[in-house]
Amino acid sequence: MSTKANILIVDDEANTLASLSRAFRLSGHEAVVCDNAARALELAQSQPFDLILSDVVMPKRDGLALLEDLKNAGISAPVVMMSGQAHIEIAVRATRLGALDFLEKPLSTEKLMVTLENALKLSRLEAENRDLRLRIGKHTLVYSGEIMRRVMAQLERVAASETRVCIYGETGTGKELAARTLHEKSGRAGGPFVTLNCAAVPAELIESELFGHEKGSFTGATQRHAGKFEQAHRGTLFLDEIGDMPLTMQAKLLRVLEEGEVERVGGDKSIRVDVRVVVATHRNLEQLVEEGAFRRDLYHRVVVFPVELPPLRQRNEDLPALVEHFATQVSAQNGWKPANFAPDAMDALKRYRWPGNIRELRNVVERLLLLCDEEVTAEIVEMALPALRGGVKLINPDTVTTDGPLADRVHDFERNTVLAELELHGRNVTQTAKALGLERSHFYKKCQQLGIDLQSRG
């Protein structure tokens, strides 16, 4: 067995501790020893062990009590019980409490090593299963409400076709997850899913990223590079933030979409590619077209079937499911014991407007789990979210007037929304404008139209 293991041995007999630790060390492993259950629990909470080997009969707290303590503390290391007074009743009880095995003293070195090997195999298998669950969970759209059910119905309807889809939504709403869902429900699910964030790649490099390059085609091109289109052959290419793509690249992308061929930078031949392109943006592409910042012909190529992902503030009914999902995910990643969320904590989370959407929620859930002991309460939520802690009154758009002409209702709704967002961001104009998806100049004009004085608190 080549893997070096770290073992905790618990026994009130000094001779047993000495002989077992020596056997493990001679086999190339590390052994930590202690003579009581209380100290064993402290050690298990302070460092990771691959195996805990504990005697059953010990003064004060016995091995079975230790087994329960380890379980309650969320310690996941496999535990093997041992005893010189082997009774079937004790073995059954230990197994029911979660013990991996029950060994009778005196222990042979061969039996010890077989037990350790089995424990390591089990730990590896559980780690692989956790990793698999996490990887699957990372690519899952989590929802329970009607709004997202309608969105999923749209995605499932269009997934089976080759229709090009444009996913609209604020930053952090899960646009890449929606694109991945399209891919996994399509006939291309067996092929690659390749992503490129157009806003994150410098303008001078985006052509190489998309179409690839030949060796020596530019400074730093030390070898041939296959671009995203080639990598996505017979699969799906997801172009995030398509609205930030430079105009010169938009023309080249249009040609590839029309002809189904790419040419590497520095190359002299065309390469056929079979790729479904899905795009996404948080910007208004129609407005960009009118402003001359986005090609009209490309717009009509990529926006064949638009899908709108709602912001989290419009999905309050999904919050419990999302919180549970992220809490499970974060706890598994960190080896934490799962925490409960009190009803008042969930109510507090629903009062927040989530300018960062689902991405922000995931970060807040991790923060809450770090701050709490066993249960997340409203007090802890208010500690984690400055807007709530500061007593900011978050205006609920549902409370605006429902009487009078449509223009008055729209004005009332917009004014309350802008005021709430201003308060949420401490009257910071730049942050508020960004959260609302507006340029600063447009935001100032909107406030003027709504009669909002940015210099006052009213």
Protein backbone atom coordinates (compact mmCIF):
# COMPACT_ATOMS: atom_id res chain seq x y z
CA MET A 1 0.00 0.00 0.00
CA SER A 2 1.75 3.18 -1.24
CA THR A 3 -0.55 5.81 0.28
CA LYS A 4 0.75 7.29 3.53
CA ALA A 5 -2.08 7.42 6.07
CA ASN A 6 -2.59 9.43 9.26
CA ILE A 7 -4.17 7.30 12.01
CA LEU A 8 -5.57 8.22 15.43
CA ILE A 9 -5.35 5.42 18.02
CA VAL A 10 -7.47 5.69 21.19
CA ASP A 11 -6.91 3.25 24.07
CA ASP A 12 -6.42 3.54 27.83
CA GLU A 13 -3.70 0.86 27.80
CA ALA A 14 -0.20 2.27 27.18
CA ASN A 15 1.14 -1.05 25.84
CA THR A 16 -1.60 -1.24 23.21
CA LEU A 17 -0.91 2.35 22.09
CA ALA A 18 2.80 1.63 21.80
CA SER A 19 2.47 -1.63 19.85
CA LEU A 20 -0.18 -0.38 17.41
CA SER A 21 1.57 2.91 16.69
CA ARG A 22 4.86 1.04 16.10
CA ALA A 23 3.15 -1.37 13.65
CA PHE A 24 1.69 1.49 11.63
CA ARG A 25 4.93 3.49 11.59
CA LEU A 26 6.95 0.48 10.43
CA SER A 27 4.54 0.26 7.49
CA GLY A 28 5.23 3.89 6.57
CA HIS A 29 2.23 5.59 8.17
CA GLU A 30 1.77 8.30 10.79
CA ALA A 31 0.13 7.48 14.13
CA VAL A 32 -1.21 9.83 16.81
CA VAL A 33 -2.12 8.26 20.16
CA CYS A 34 -4.27 9.31 23.14
CA ASP A 35 -5.76 7.50 26.15
CA ASN A 36 -9.26 9.01 26.49
CA ALA A 37 -12.34 9.87 24.43
CA ALA A 38 -12.41 13.59 25.27
CA ARG A 39 -8.87 14.16 23.97
CA ALA A 40 -9.60 12.00 20.92
CA LEU A 41 -12.53 14.23 19.97
CA GLU A 42 -10.33 17.34 20.31
CA LEU A 43 -7.67 15.79 18.06
CA ALA A 44 -10.23 14.70 15.44
CA GLN A 45 -11.63 18.24 15.30
CA SER A 46 -8.18 19.83 14.99
CA GLN A 47 -6.67 17.73 12.15
CA PRO A 48 -7.79 15.23 9.49
CA PHE A 49 -7.33 11.50 10.03
CA ASP A 50 -7.63 8.70 7.47
CA LEU A 51 -8.64 6.22 10.17
CA ILE A 52 -9.65 6.37 13.85
CA LEU A 53 -8.98 3.16 15.78
CA SER A 54 -10.67 3.14 19.21
CA ASP A 55 -11.00 0.72 22.09
CA VAL A 56 -14.56 0.13 23.32
CA VAL A 57 -13.96 -0.20 27.08
CA MET A 58 -12.40 2.97 28.53
CA PRO A 59 -13.00 4.90 31.78
CA LYS A 60 -15.30 7.98 31.81
CA ARG A 61 -16.49 7.95 28.16
CA ASP A 62 -16.20 4.65 26.33
CA GLY A 63 -15.56 4.01 22.64
CA LEU A 64 -19.24 3.88 21.69
CA ALA A 65 -19.81 7.30 23.29
CA LEU A 66 -16.80 8.60 21.34
CA LEU A 67 -18.32 7.22 18.15
CA GLU A 68 -21.50 9.21 18.81
CA ASP A 69 -19.48 12.35 19.64
CA LEU A 70 -17.55 12.07 16.35
CA LYS A 71 -20.77 11.64 14.40
CA ASN A 72 -22.42 14.65 16.08
CA ALA A 73 -19.31 16.77 15.39
CA GLY A 74 -19.51 15.98 11.68
CA ILE A 75 -16.21 14.04 11.63
CA SER A 76 -16.24 11.92 8.47
CA ALA A 77 -13.10 9.82 9.09
CA PRO A 78 -13.85 6.06 9.15
CA VAL A 79 -13.84 4.58 12.69
CA VAL A 80 -12.86 1.02 13.60
CA MET A 81 -13.72 -0.27 17.09
CA MET A 82 -11.63 -2.87 18.94
CA SER A 83 -12.15 -4.79 22.15
CA GLY A 84 -10.80 -7.70 24.14
CA GLN A 85 -14.36 -8.39 25.33
CA ALA A 86 -16.00 -9.15 22.01
CA HIS A 87 -19.78 -9.37 22.37
CA ILE A 88 -22.11 -9.54 19.39
CA GLU A 89 -24.37 -6.91 20.97
CA ILE A 90 -21.49 -4.39 21.17
CA ALA A 91 -20.44 -5.11 17.59
CA VAL A 92 -24.00 -4.60 16.31
CA ARG A 93 -24.40 -1.35 18.25
CA ALA A 94 -21.06 -0.04 16.98
CA THR A 95 -22.01 -0.83 13.40
CA ARG A 96 -25.37 0.93 13.80
CA LEU A 97 -23.54 4.00 15.12
CA GLY A 98 -21.45 4.07 11.97
CA ALA A 99 -18.32 2.04 12.76
CA LEU A 100 -16.58 0.69 9.65
CA ASP A 101 -15.43 -2.51 11.36
CA PHE A 102 -15.14 -4.24 14.75
CA LEU A 103 -11.87 -6.00 15.61
CA GLU A 104 -11.14 -8.44 18.44
CA LYS A 105 -7.97 -8.04 20.51
CA PRO A 106 -5.19 -9.03 20.29
CA LEU A 107 -4.83 -7.57 16.78
CA SER A 108 -2.55 -9.03 14.14
CA THR A 109 -0.46 -6.65 11.99
CA GLU A 110 -1.86 -8.27 8.83
CA LYS A 111 -5.45 -7.64 9.96
CA LEU A 112 -4.57 -4.03 10.86
CA MET A 113 -3.16 -3.32 7.38
CA VAL A 114 -6.13 -4.91 5.59
CA THR A 115 -8.50 -2.80 7.72
CA LEU A 116 -6.52 0.36 6.94
CA GLU A 117 -6.51 -0.40 3.22
CA ASN A 118 -10.30 -0.91 3.24
CA ALA A 119 -10.75 2.40 5.10
CA LEU A 120 -8.61 4.27 2.55
CA LYS A 121 -10.54 2.73 -0.36
CA LEU A 122 -13.82 3.78 1.25
CA SER A 123 -12.54 7.33 1.83
CA ARG A 124 -11.41 7.62 -1.80
CA LEU A 125 -14.77 6.37 -3.04
CA GLU A 126 -16.69 8.81 -0.84
CA ALA A 127 -14.44 11.69 -1.98
CA GLU A 128 -15.05 10.77 -5.63
CA ASN A 129 -18.82 10.64 -5.02
CA ARG A 130 -18.73 14.04 -3.27
CA ASP A 131 -16.74 15.51 -6.14
CA LEU A 132 -19.16 14.04 -8.67
CA ARG A 133 -22.16 15.45 -6.80
CA LEU A 134 -20.50 18.86 -6.59
CA ARG A 135 -19.61 18.90 -10.29
CA ILE A 136 -23.14 17.90 -11.22
CA GLY A 137 -24.56 20.48 -8.78
CA LYS A 138 -22.43 23.26 -10.23
CA HIS A 139 -24.08 22.80 -13.62
CA THR A 140 -27.68 22.59 -12.43
CA LEU A 141 -30.35 25.28 -12.63
CA VAL A 142 -32.07 25.20 -9.23
CA TYR A 143 -35.65 26.47 -8.98
CA SER A 144 -39.09 25.69 -7.63
CA GLY A 145 -41.25 28.62 -8.73
CA GLU A 146 -43.44 29.24 -11.74
CA ILE A 147 -41.22 31.92 -13.32
CA MET A 148 -38.25 29.59 -13.77
CA ARG A 149 -40.52 26.71 -14.75
CA ARG A 150 -41.60 28.78 -17.74
CA VAL A 151 -37.96 29.56 -18.59
CA MET A 152 -37.07 25.86 -18.40
CA ALA A 153 -39.97 25.01 -20.67
CA GLN A 154 -38.56 27.44 -23.24
CA LEU A 155 -35.07 25.95 -22.95
CA GLU A 156 -36.37 22.40 -23.34
CA ARG A 157 -38.49 23.38 -26.34
CA VAL A 158 -35.60 24.99 -28.24
CA ALA A 159 -32.87 22.56 -27.08
CA ALA A 160 -33.86 19.80 -29.50
CA SER A 161 -33.41 22.12 -32.51
CA GLU A 162 -30.35 23.77 -34.03
CA THR A 163 -31.91 27.21 -33.54
CA ARG A 164 -29.52 29.89 -32.28
CA VAL A 165 -30.44 31.16 -28.82
CA CYS A 166 -29.64 34.47 -27.13
CA ILE A 167 -29.88 34.42 -23.34
CA TYR A 168 -30.58 37.79 -21.75
CA GLY A 169 -30.07 38.45 -18.05
CA GLU A 170 -28.28 40.54 -15.47
CA THR A 171 -24.80 39.56 -14.33
CA GLY A 172 -24.95 36.55 -12.01
CA THR A 173 -28.36 35.22 -13.08
CA GLY A 174 -26.97 31.91 -14.40
CA LYS A 175 -26.70 32.50 -18.15
CA GLU A 176 -23.91 29.94 -18.57
CA LEU A 177 -25.95 27.34 -16.65
CA ALA A 178 -28.88 27.99 -18.99
CA ALA A 179 -26.59 27.55 -22.01
CA ARG A 180 -25.20 24.33 -20.55
CA THR A 181 -28.76 23.11 -19.99
CA LEU A 182 -29.49 23.75 -23.68
CA HIS A 183 -26.42 21.74 -24.62
CA GLU A 184 -27.17 18.80 -22.32
CA LYS A 185 -30.76 18.54 -23.53
CA SER A 186 -29.75 18.75 -27.20
CA GLY A 187 -28.59 16.16 -29.71
CA ARG A 188 -25.07 17.54 -29.21
CA ALA A 189 -24.90 16.50 -25.54
CA GLY A 190 -22.20 13.93 -26.35
CA GLY A 191 -20.00 16.64 -27.85
CA PRO A 192 -17.95 19.39 -26.14
CA PHE A 193 -19.39 22.45 -24.42
CA VAL A 194 -16.91 25.31 -24.88
CA THR A 195 -17.21 28.82 -23.41
CA LEU A 196 -15.69 32.22 -24.14
CA ASN A 197 -16.41 35.44 -22.24
CA CYS A 198 -16.11 38.14 -24.91
CA ALA A 199 -15.75 40.87 -22.27
CA ALA A 200 -12.81 39.13 -20.57
CA VAL A 201 -10.54 38.72 -23.64
CA PRO A 202 -8.50 41.69 -24.92
CA ALA A 203 -9.61 42.90 -28.36
CA GLU A 204 -6.25 41.99 -29.94
CA LEU A 205 -6.49 38.36 -28.73
CA ILE A 206 -10.15 37.51 -29.28
CA GLU A 207 -9.64 36.47 -32.94
CA SER A 208 -6.95 34.00 -31.91
CA GLU A 209 -9.15 32.69 -29.08
CA LEU A 210 -12.09 32.12 -31.40
CA PHE A 211 -10.41 30.91 -34.59
CA GLY A 212 -6.97 29.73 -33.40
CA HIS A 213 -3.55 30.61 -34.81
CA GLU A 214 -0.57 29.06 -36.56
CA LYS A 215 2.90 28.88 -35.04
CA GLY A 216 4.80 32.13 -35.59
CA SER A 217 1.74 34.07 -36.74
CA PHE A 218 2.44 36.78 -34.12
CA THR A 219 4.85 37.48 -31.27
CA GLY A 220 4.34 34.85 -28.60
CA ALA A 221 2.69 32.31 -30.93
CA THR A 222 5.21 29.55 -30.20
CA GLN A 223 2.95 26.72 -31.37
CA ARG A 224 -0.24 26.04 -33.30
CA HIS A 225 -3.41 26.73 -31.29
CA ALA A 226 -6.90 25.43 -32.02
CA GLY A 227 -9.53 28.11 -31.41
CA LYS A 228 -12.83 27.80 -29.58
CA PHE A 229 -14.73 26.94 -32.77
CA GLU A 230 -12.46 23.98 -33.49
CA GLN A 231 -12.59 22.88 -29.85
CA ALA A 232 -16.41 22.94 -29.99
CA HIS A 233 -16.68 20.89 -33.21
CA ARG A 234 -19.88 18.79 -33.07
CA GLY A 235 -20.79 20.46 -29.81
CA THR A 236 -21.87 23.87 -28.49
CA LEU A 237 -19.94 27.14 -28.29
CA PHE A 238 -21.23 29.58 -25.66
CA LEU A 239 -20.26 33.21 -26.29
CA ASP A 240 -20.95 35.12 -23.09
CA GLU A 241 -21.31 38.94 -23.13
CA ILE A 242 -21.59 39.02 -26.93
CA GLY A 243 -22.54 42.71 -26.64
CA ASP A 244 -18.93 43.52 -25.68
CA MET A 245 -17.39 41.97 -28.79
CA PRO A 246 -15.44 44.54 -30.91
CA LEU A 247 -17.13 45.53 -34.18
CA THR A 248 -14.24 44.20 -36.30
CA MET A 249 -14.65 40.77 -34.70
CA GLN A 250 -18.41 40.88 -35.17
CA ALA A 251 -17.90 40.95 -38.96
CA LYS A 252 -15.58 37.92 -38.82
CA LEU A 253 -17.96 36.03 -36.53
CA LEU A 254 -20.81 36.73 -38.93
CA ARG A 255 -18.83 35.17 -41.81
CA VAL A 256 -18.14 32.02 -39.76
CA LEU A 257 -21.83 31.70 -38.82
CA GLU A 258 -22.83 32.06 -42.48
CA GLU A 259 -20.21 29.75 -44.00
CA GLY A 260 -19.46 27.27 -41.23
CA GLU A 261 -15.71 27.69 -41.73
CA VAL A 262 -12.88 29.25 -39.74
CA GLU A 263 -9.39 30.29 -40.74
CA ARG A 264 -6.66 30.38 -38.12
CA VAL A 265 -4.69 33.59 -37.66
CA GLY A 266 -1.64 33.23 -39.93
CA GLY A 267 -3.24 30.32 -41.77
CA ASP A 268 -4.09 30.03 -45.47
CA LYS A 269 -6.83 27.40 -45.51
CA SER A 270 -10.38 27.15 -44.23
CA ILE A 271 -11.43 24.56 -41.65
CA ARG A 272 -14.99 23.24 -41.61
CA VAL A 273 -16.67 23.36 -38.19
CA ASP A 274 -20.00 21.96 -37.05
CA VAL A 275 -20.91 24.09 -34.04
CA ARG A 276 -24.11 25.33 -32.44
CA VAL A 277 -23.53 28.87 -31.16
CA VAL A 278 -25.42 30.11 -28.09
CA VAL A 279 -24.84 33.70 -26.99
CA ALA A 280 -25.66 35.69 -23.86
CA THR A 281 -25.55 39.29 -22.69
CA HIS A 282 -26.67 41.57 -19.87
CA ARG A 283 -26.93 44.46 -22.33
CA ASN A 284 -29.77 45.62 -24.60
CA LEU A 285 -28.62 44.43 -28.05
CA GLU A 286 -31.39 46.30 -29.87
CA GLN A 287 -30.21 49.54 -28.28
CA LEU A 288 -26.60 48.71 -29.20
CA VAL A 289 -27.73 48.15 -32.79
CA GLU A 290 -29.41 51.58 -32.86
CA GLU A 291 -26.27 53.17 -31.41
CA GLY A 292 -24.09 51.49 -34.06
CA ALA A 293 -22.18 49.41 -31.47
CA PHE A 294 -23.55 46.05 -32.66
CA ARG A 295 -24.03 44.89 -36.24
CA ARG A 296 -27.65 44.57 -37.29
CA ASP A 297 -26.94 41.57 -39.54
CA LEU A 298 -25.17 39.74 -36.70
CA TYR A 299 -28.04 40.60 -34.35
CA HIS A 300 -30.48 38.82 -36.65
CA ARG A 301 -28.13 35.83 -36.86
CA VAL A 302 -27.71 35.27 -33.12
CA VAL A 303 -31.04 36.49 -31.70
CA VAL A 304 -33.30 33.91 -33.34
CA PHE A 305 -34.82 32.65 -30.08
CA PRO A 306 -34.38 35.03 -27.12
CA VAL A 307 -34.63 33.68 -23.56
CA GLU A 308 -34.87 36.09 -20.60
CA LEU A 309 -33.45 34.95 -17.25
CA PRO A 310 -35.16 36.85 -14.41
CA PRO A 311 -33.09 38.53 -11.68
CA LEU A 312 -33.11 36.85 -8.28
CA ARG A 313 -35.22 39.64 -6.72
CA GLN A 314 -38.08 38.44 -8.95
CA ARG A 315 -37.62 34.81 -7.85
CA ASN A 316 -38.33 34.90 -4.10
CA GLU A 317 -40.13 31.57 -4.34
CA ASP A 318 -36.85 29.95 -5.46
CA LEU A 319 -34.78 31.28 -2.54
CA PRO A 320 -35.31 28.32 -0.14
CA ALA A 321 -34.29 25.79 -2.80
CA LEU A 322 -31.27 27.86 -3.85
CA VAL A 323 -30.14 28.42 -0.25
CA GLU A 324 -30.42 24.69 0.54
CA HIS A 325 -28.51 23.85 -2.67
CA PHE A 326 -25.63 26.23 -1.93
CA ALA A 327 -25.52 25.32 1.77
CA THR A 328 -25.17 21.63 0.87
CA GLN A 329 -22.55 22.41 -1.76
CA VAL A 330 -20.45 24.69 0.46
CA SER A 331 -20.67 22.31 3.45
CA ALA A 332 -19.52 19.36 1.34
CA GLN A 333 -16.62 21.33 -0.16
CA ASN A 334 -15.36 22.39 3.26
CA GLY A 335 -16.26 19.28 5.26
CA TRP A 336 -18.64 21.29 7.46
CA LYS A 337 -21.63 19.97 9.33
CA PRO A 338 -24.82 21.20 7.54
CA ALA A 339 -26.58 24.13 9.25
CA ASN A 340 -30.30 24.87 9.48
CA PHE A 341 -31.86 28.14 8.28
CA ALA A 342 -34.48 29.52 10.68
CA PRO A 343 -37.73 30.83 9.11
CA ASP A 344 -36.88 34.41 10.15
CA ALA A 345 -33.51 34.05 8.38
CA MET A 346 -35.25 33.12 5.14
CA ASP A 347 -37.64 36.07 5.56
CA ALA A 348 -34.64 38.38 5.97
CA LEU A 349 -33.00 36.98 2.83
CA LYS A 350 -36.21 37.62 0.90
CA ARG A 351 -36.14 41.31 1.90
CA TYR A 352 -32.79 41.81 0.21
CA ARG A 353 -32.74 42.83 -3.47
CA TRP A 354 -29.68 40.79 -4.56
CA PRO A 355 -27.94 43.16 -6.99
CA GLY A 356 -25.36 40.42 -7.64
CA ASN A 357 -28.10 37.82 -8.17
CA ILE A 358 -27.40 34.09 -7.73
CA ARG A 359 -23.63 34.56 -7.71
CA GLU A 360 -24.00 36.92 -4.75
CA LEU A 361 -26.40 34.54 -2.98
CA ARG A 362 -23.87 31.72 -3.16
CA ASN A 363 -21.21 33.94 -1.56
CA VAL A 364 -23.62 35.12 1.15
CA VAL A 365 -24.62 31.52 2.00
CA GLU A 366 -20.95 30.63 2.49
CA ARG A 367 -20.53 33.73 4.70
CA LEU A 368 -23.58 32.76 6.76
CA LEU A 369 -22.29 29.22 7.32
CA LEU A 370 -19.01 30.65 8.57
CA LEU A 371 -20.80 33.00 10.97
CA CYS A 372 -23.27 30.52 12.48
CA ASP A 373 -22.81 27.58 14.85
CA GLU A 374 -25.72 25.27 14.11
CA GLU A 375 -28.53 27.55 12.87
CA VAL A 376 -28.62 30.64 10.67
CA THR A 377 -30.92 33.25 12.19
CA ALA A 378 -32.22 36.64 11.02
CA GLU A 379 -29.66 38.31 13.28
CA ILE A 380 -26.83 36.49 11.49
CA VAL A 381 -28.30 37.40 8.08
CA GLU A 382 -28.41 41.07 9.07
CA MET A 383 -24.80 40.79 10.25
CA ALA A 384 -23.77 39.34 6.87
CA LEU A 385 -25.71 41.82 4.70
CA PRO A 386 -24.77 45.48 5.34
CA ALA A 387 -27.98 46.81 3.77
CA LEU A 388 -30.13 44.89 6.26
CA ARG A 389 -27.80 45.48 9.18
CA GLY A 390 -27.95 49.23 8.57
CA GLY A 391 -31.72 49.20 8.84
CA VAL A 392 -32.23 50.19 5.21
CA LYS A 393 -35.89 50.03 4.27
CA LEU A 394 -36.05 47.95 1.12
CA ILE A 395 -39.15 48.98 -0.79
CA ASN A 396 -41.18 46.12 -2.14
CA PRO A 397 -42.41 46.89 -5.68
CA ASP A 398 -45.57 44.93 -4.89
CA THR A 399 -46.65 47.76 -2.57
CA VAL A 400 -46.87 50.47 -5.25
CA THR A 401 -50.24 51.93 -6.12
CA THR A 402 -52.59 49.85 -8.24
CA ASP A 403 -55.03 52.69 -8.96
CA GLY A 404 -55.01 55.34 -11.67
CA PRO A 405 -53.72 55.55 -15.26
CA LEU A 406 -51.01 53.16 -16.45
CA ALA A 407 -48.47 55.98 -16.84
CA ASP A 408 -48.88 56.93 -13.15
CA ARG A 409 -48.50 53.33 -12.01
CA VAL A 410 -45.34 52.87 -14.11
CA HIS A 411 -43.93 56.17 -12.76
CA ASP A 412 -44.68 55.07 -9.18
CA PHE A 413 -43.08 51.66 -9.71
CA GLU A 414 -39.92 53.11 -11.31
CA ARG A 415 -39.53 55.78 -8.63
CA ASN A 416 -39.85 53.29 -5.77
CA THR A 417 -37.46 50.87 -7.47
CA VAL A 418 -34.78 53.51 -8.03
CA LEU A 419 -35.15 54.85 -4.46
CA ALA A 420 -34.81 51.35 -3.02
CA GLU A 421 -31.72 50.67 -5.10
CA LEU A 422 -30.18 53.99 -4.04
CA GLU A 423 -30.71 53.16 -0.37
CA LEU A 424 -29.33 49.67 -0.89
CA HIS A 425 -26.10 51.13 -2.28
CA GLY A 426 -25.76 53.93 0.26
CA ARG A 427 -26.74 56.62 -2.31
CA ASN A 428 -23.74 55.65 -4.46
CA VAL A 429 -24.74 56.70 -7.98
CA THR A 430 -22.17 54.57 -9.82
CA GLN A 431 -23.12 51.34 -8.02
CA THR A 432 -26.84 52.05 -8.29
CA ALA A 433 -26.63 52.75 -12.02
CA LYS A 434 -24.65 49.55 -12.56
CA ALA A 435 -27.16 47.48 -10.56
CA LEU A 436 -30.00 48.87 -12.69
CA GLY A 437 -28.09 48.26 -15.94
CA LEU A 438 -27.92 51.97 -16.84
CA GLU A 439 -25.13 54.28 -17.94
CA ARG A 440 -24.47 57.06 -15.42
CA SER A 441 -25.76 59.72 -17.84
CA HIS A 442 -28.97 57.74 -18.44
CA PHE A 443 -29.38 57.21 -14.70
CA TYR A 444 -29.15 60.97 -14.00
CA LYS A 445 -31.78 61.64 -16.68
CA LYS A 446 -34.05 58.95 -15.27
CA CYS A 447 -33.81 60.43 -11.76
CA GLN A 448 -34.66 63.85 -13.19
CA GLN A 449 -37.73 62.40 -14.91
CA LEU A 450 -38.83 60.68 -11.70
CA GLY A 451 -38.30 63.77 -9.53
CA ILE A 452 -35.58 62.14 -7.42
CA ASP A 453 -33.12 64.56 -5.82
CA LEU A 454 -29.79 62.75 -5.65
CA GLN A 455 -28.48 65.29 -3.12
CA SER A 456 -31.16 64.52 -0.53
CA ARG A 457 -32.33 61.40 1.33
CA GLY A 458 -35.94 61.74 0.19
